[in-house]
Amino acid sequence: MTAMLTPLGAHAQTPLPDPYNYDEAEPSPKRAAPLRWQTVELGKPGHRYKMPVYANRDLAKDDLRTIKQVLIVVHGVKRDADHYYETAAALVAGNAGRARDTLILAPRFPGSIDSGFGGMAAWRKASWEDGEDSIQAAGRPAPVSSFQVLDDLLRSLDDRKRLASLAGIVLAGHSAGAQLVHRYAVLNNIDGLLRRDGLALRYVIANPSSYLYLTNERPRADGKGYAPYERGICPTYNQYKYGTDKLPAYARETDDSRLFVRYAARDVIYLLGGADNNPEHRLLDKACGAEAQGATRLARGTGYVQYEHVLAARGAKPVVLRHASFEVGGVGHDSKRMFGSICGVRALLGDGAQASEGAAACDIIKPRGK
């Protein structure tokens, strides 16, 4: 053994605790027993694959005909879908009317090195957050992009026999999960199909590290509008995942102007932590394509929100922007407090939903000059 217990009565030096990271949420108390995920099978015949998901119903056995809303929450880079499920479950539990008719789904995108997910789709590191394909390996299903996983999950919910009362779906993500949700909201082709089937779809995007810009412009360093970025500083700043150059195969719609018009019509809510402003945060994307968007998550988020208003006002006929954005006061990079804020709860569960006592307040982010 390389270490021994200190005998009783010996004077051992008490080790100093690890430095506290004030940008991270306080650790949650350990549970007596870990949550158990369920397996869902997705995809078309001939290309079926399995994914782990946490849910508040037995997806194989329960009667889901009274479910009116589905809340899908996407985890961050730690792939802690169980914690995201618990956050959502606590919010639903605090709103009795919604507890009876809301289905919570928290899918997990397994890493290729994670144990316990044999035979399932798995991704290298955080590649899933960009919409990349799962790995090709013996014993795994054929590669599938994380965008396609969301497509297939949403299609599985568009089932009037099983979910006869379903009226709306909320797809929410924080941090890395918000990057996936944002890019999916821009690029997917299923939104209109669901709406035609009578299902409202909302995207909730909280504190992502970067955004998908739809032109070659970025916030000017002097804060006065937007202009093409200096390629000498970052030659790849407008390549996907930061811009529309070299979009992934999943993106069939490649006309930048049409992408924005379509995205502007979708129901999107941005949640930006007012204290998520540390340029040295250990999980902040520091690639030059991300740095071109701003120094911090808050700066990048507010810059992108204002950029959308600029694009919407261009042209002879202004584009109607169906997006809302809020700054959550005093909250940093903390999914639980972001989603539990007054605007966060309403974004996830509807305008009448109630936040818990002490929930963070929110300010609407308005277009500059208004």
Foldseek 3Di string as FASTA:
>chain_A
DPDDDDDPPDDDDDDDDDDDDPQEDDDDDDDPDAADWDWDWWDDPVQIFIWTKDKPDDPVDDQQQQAAEEEEEEEALVQPLSVVQVLVLVLQVQPVVNVVHYMYIRTGAAAPPDPPQFLGFHDHRLVQLQQDWGDDDPRYTDTGTNLVVVVGVVVVCLDCVRHVNYQEYEYEYAASSLSSLQVSLLADDCQVVCVVSRYAYEYEHELYLAHEDLDQWAQDPVRDDIDHDDCVQPVCLQPPPHHLNPDDPSRPDRNSLVSLLSSQPHHYEYEYEPPQADLVPPSHDPPVSSVRRDRTSNSNVLRVVLVSVVSQPDDPHGRRGNYWYKYFYPHHRYVSLRCLAQVNSCSRPNDVRDHDPPRTYIDTNDHPPD
